[in-house]
Amino acid sequence: MSGLQALQSTQFVTVDGRRLAVMDAGDWEAVVEWLESLEDASIAAAARSALAATHGDRARAGWARWDDVRADLL
């Protein structure tokens, strides 16, 4: 199920005067995954734009060198 489908399947209830959204936990996880994918795509687009603006110069675009960060990530 896509994130949008999960949102569309949300049901609403009113409890003590408050309107609450109710959804299946699996649907909730689909929404979270969908939002994370959108965030990742936005980050990648920004990095691609920064690289294009510097004509492919990774250092000027602010990209870290792999050798400088490898130990922190592995």
N, C-alpha and C. Protein backbone atom coordinates (compact mmCIF):
# COMPACT_ATOMS: atom_id res chain seq x y z
N MET A 1 0.85 -1.18 0.00
CA MET A 1 0.00 0.00 0.00
C MET A 1 0.90 1.24 0.00
N SER A 2 0.56 2.20 -0.83
CA SER A 2 1.34 3.44 -0.87
C SER A 2 0.98 4.32 0.32
N GLY A 3 1.82 5.30 0.57
CA GLY A 3 1.55 6.24 1.65
C GLY A 3 0.25 6.97 1.45
N LEU A 4 -0.02 7.36 0.20
CA LEU A 4 -1.26 8.08 -0.09
C LEU A 4 -2.48 7.19 0.15
N GLN A 5 -2.38 5.94 -0.24
CA GLN A 5 -3.50 5.01 0.00
C GLN A 5 -3.71 4.82 1.50
N ALA A 6 -2.61 4.75 2.24
CA ALA A 6 -2.73 4.58 3.69
C ALA A 6 -3.43 5.78 4.31
N LEU A 7 -3.07 6.98 3.85
CA LEU A 7 -3.73 8.17 4.37
C LEU A 7 -5.22 8.18 4.03
N GLN A 8 -5.53 7.75 2.82
CA GLN A 8 -6.93 7.73 2.40
C GLN A 8 -7.75 6.70 3.16
N SER A 9 -7.11 5.69 3.71
CA SER A 9 -7.83 4.65 4.45
C SER A 9 -8.01 5.02 5.93
N THR A 10 -7.47 6.15 6.33
CA THR A 10 -7.59 6.59 7.72
C THR A 10 -9.05 6.84 8.08
N GLN A 11 -9.41 6.39 9.26
CA GLN A 11 -10.77 6.62 9.76
C GLN A 11 -10.68 7.61 10.91
N PHE A 12 -11.79 8.30 11.18
CA PHE A 12 -11.81 9.31 12.21
C PHE A 12 -12.87 8.98 13.25
N VAL A 13 -12.52 9.24 14.50
CA VAL A 13 -13.46 9.03 15.61
C VAL A 13 -13.41 10.29 16.48
N THR A 14 -14.48 10.50 17.21
CA THR A 14 -14.51 11.60 18.16
C THR A 14 -14.57 11.03 19.57
N VAL A 15 -13.62 11.44 20.39
CA VAL A 15 -13.54 10.97 21.77
C VAL A 15 -13.38 12.19 22.66
N ASP A 16 -14.29 12.35 23.60
CA ASP A 16 -14.27 13.50 24.52
C ASP A 16 -14.14 14.82 23.77
N GLY A 17 -14.85 14.93 22.66
CA GLY A 17 -14.86 16.16 21.89
C GLY A 17 -13.66 16.38 20.99
N ARG A 18 -12.75 15.44 20.97
CA ARG A 18 -11.56 15.54 20.13
C ARG A 18 -11.70 14.60 18.94
N ARG A 19 -11.39 15.09 17.75
CA ARG A 19 -11.44 14.26 16.54
C ARG A 19 -10.06 13.62 16.37
N LEU A 20 -10.04 12.30 16.34
CA LEU A 20 -8.79 11.54 16.26
C LEU A 20 -8.74 10.72 14.97
N ALA A 21 -7.56 10.58 14.42
CA ALA A 21 -7.34 9.73 13.25
C ALA A 21 -6.95 8.34 13.72
N VAL A 22 -7.53 7.33 13.10
CA VAL A 22 -7.24 5.93 13.45
C VAL A 22 -6.81 5.22 12.18
N MET A 23 -5.65 4.55 12.26
CA MET A 23 -5.19 3.78 11.11
C MET A 23 -4.45 2.54 11.58
N ASP A 24 -4.41 1.56 10.72
CA ASP A 24 -3.69 0.32 10.98
C ASP A 24 -2.20 0.63 11.14
N ALA A 25 -1.52 -0.05 12.04
CA ALA A 25 -0.10 0.19 12.27
C ALA A 25 0.72 -0.04 11.01
N GLY A 26 0.35 -1.02 10.21
CA GLY A 26 1.06 -1.26 8.95
C GLY A 26 0.89 -0.09 7.99
N ASP A 27 -0.31 0.51 7.98
CA ASP A 27 -0.56 1.68 7.16
C ASP A 27 0.28 2.85 7.65
N TRP A 28 0.38 3.00 8.97
CA TRP A 28 1.21 4.06 9.55
C TRP A 28 2.66 3.91 9.10
N GLU A 29 3.17 2.70 9.14
CA GLU A 29 4.54 2.45 8.70
C GLU A 29 4.72 2.78 7.23
N ALA A 30 3.71 2.51 6.42
CA ALA A 30 3.77 2.86 4.99
C ALA A 30 3.85 4.36 4.80
N VAL A 31 3.10 5.11 5.61
CA VAL A 31 3.14 6.57 5.53
C VAL A 31 4.52 7.09 5.92
N VAL A 32 5.08 6.55 7.00
CA VAL A 32 6.41 6.97 7.44
C VAL A 32 7.44 6.67 6.35
N GLU A 33 7.39 5.48 5.77
CA GLU A 33 8.32 5.12 4.70
C GLU A 33 8.17 6.05 3.50
N TRP A 34 6.94 6.36 3.15
CA TRP A 34 6.65 7.26 2.03
C TRP A 34 7.26 8.64 2.29
N LEU A 35 7.06 9.17 3.50
CA LEU A 35 7.61 10.48 3.84
C LEU A 35 9.13 10.46 3.86
N GLU A 36 9.73 9.38 4.34
CA GLU A 36 11.19 9.26 4.32
C GLU A 36 11.71 9.25 2.89
N SER A 37 11.01 8.57 2.00
CA SER A 37 11.41 8.55 0.59
C SER A 37 11.33 9.93 -0.03
N LEU A 38 10.28 10.69 0.30
CA LEU A 38 10.16 12.06 -0.20
C LEU A 38 11.30 12.93 0.31
N GLU A 39 11.63 12.76 1.58
CA GLU A 39 12.74 13.52 2.16
C GLU A 39 14.06 13.16 1.49
N ASP A 40 14.30 11.87 1.27
CA ASP A 40 15.52 11.42 0.60
C ASP A 40 15.62 12.01 -0.81
N ALA A 41 14.51 12.01 -1.53
CA ALA A 41 14.50 12.55 -2.89
C ALA A 41 14.81 14.05 -2.88
N SER A 42 14.30 14.76 -1.89
CA SER A 42 14.56 16.19 -1.77
C SER A 42 16.03 16.45 -1.48
N ILE A 43 16.62 15.66 -0.61
CA ILE A 43 18.04 15.79 -0.27
C ILE A 43 18.90 15.50 -1.50
N ALA A 44 18.56 14.46 -2.24
CA ALA A 44 19.31 14.11 -3.45
C ALA A 44 19.19 15.21 -4.50
N ALA A 45 18.01 15.79 -4.66
CA ALA A 45 17.82 16.87 -5.64
C ALA A 45 18.65 18.08 -5.26
N ALA A 46 18.71 18.41 -3.98
CA ALA A 46 19.51 19.55 -3.53
C ALA A 46 20.99 19.29 -3.77
N ALA A 47 21.44 18.08 -3.49
CA ALA A 47 22.85 17.74 -3.72
C ALA A 47 23.18 17.80 -5.21
N ARG A 48 22.28 17.30 -6.02
CA ARG A 48 22.48 17.34 -7.48
C ARG A 48 22.54 18.78 -7.98
N SER A 49 21.69 19.64 -7.45
CA SER A 49 21.70 21.06 -7.83
C SER A 49 22.99 21.74 -7.41
N ALA A 50 23.46 21.45 -6.20
CA ALA A 50 24.70 22.03 -5.71
C ALA A 50 25.87 21.59 -6.58
N LEU A 51 25.87 20.34 -6.97
CA LEU A 51 26.95 19.83 -7.82
C LEU A 51 26.90 20.47 -9.21
N ALA A 52 25.71 20.62 -9.74
CA ALA A 52 25.57 21.26 -11.06
C ALA A 52 26.03 22.72 -11.01
N ALA A 53 25.71 23.41 -9.90
CA ALA A 53 26.08 24.82 -9.77
C ALA A 53 27.59 25.01 -9.70
N THR A 54 28.30 23.98 -9.27
CA THR A 54 29.77 24.08 -9.18
C THR A 54 30.44 23.35 -10.34
N HIS A 55 29.66 23.05 -11.38
CA HIS A 55 30.17 22.37 -12.58
C HIS A 55 30.89 21.07 -12.24
N GLY A 56 30.31 20.33 -11.29
CA GLY A 56 30.83 19.02 -10.94
C GLY A 56 31.95 19.00 -9.92
N ASP A 57 32.28 20.16 -9.35
CA ASP A 57 33.36 20.22 -8.35
C ASP A 57 32.78 19.85 -6.99
N ARG A 58 33.03 18.62 -6.59
CA ARG A 58 32.44 18.09 -5.36
C ARG A 58 32.87 18.87 -4.12
N ALA A 59 34.12 19.28 -4.07
CA ALA A 59 34.61 20.03 -2.90
C ALA A 59 33.88 21.37 -2.80
N ARG A 60 33.75 22.09 -3.89
CA ARG A 60 33.06 23.38 -3.87
C ARG A 60 31.58 23.21 -3.58
N ALA A 61 31.01 22.07 -3.93
CA ALA A 61 29.59 21.79 -3.65
C ALA A 61 29.37 21.43 -2.18
N GLY A 62 30.47 21.26 -1.43
CA GLY A 62 30.36 20.94 -0.01
C GLY A 62 30.31 19.46 0.30
N TRP A 63 30.61 18.64 -0.68
CA TRP A 63 30.60 17.20 -0.47
C TRP A 63 31.85 16.78 0.28
N ALA A 64 31.70 15.88 1.23
CA ALA A 64 32.84 15.34 1.96
C ALA A 64 33.56 14.28 1.13
N ARG A 65 34.85 14.18 1.34
CA ARG A 65 35.62 13.12 0.67
C ARG A 65 35.39 11.81 1.40
N TRP A 66 35.23 10.73 0.66
CA TRP A 66 34.97 9.41 1.24
C TRP A 66 36.07 9.04 2.24
N ASP A 67 37.31 9.28 1.88
CA ASP A 67 38.42 8.92 2.77
C ASP A 67 38.35 9.66 4.10
N ASP A 68 37.73 10.84 4.11
CA ASP A 68 37.63 11.64 5.33
C ASP A 68 36.49 11.18 6.25
N VAL A 69 35.49 10.49 5.71
CA VAL A 69 34.34 10.11 6.53
C VAL A 69 34.16 8.59 6.68
N ARG A 70 34.94 7.84 5.95
CA ARG A 70 34.77 6.37 5.96
C ARG A 70 34.79 5.80 7.37
N ALA A 71 35.78 6.18 8.16
CA ALA A 71 35.92 5.59 9.50
C ALA A 71 34.70 5.91 10.38
N ASP A 72 34.08 7.07 10.19
CA ASP A 72 32.92 7.45 10.99
C ASP A 72 31.69 6.64 10.62
N LEU A 73 31.64 6.16 9.37
CA LEU A 73 30.46 5.47 8.87
C LEU A 73 30.53 3.95 8.95
N LEU A 74 31.72 3.42 9.02
CA LEU A 74 31.87 1.96 9.02
C LEU A 74 32.16 1.42 10.39
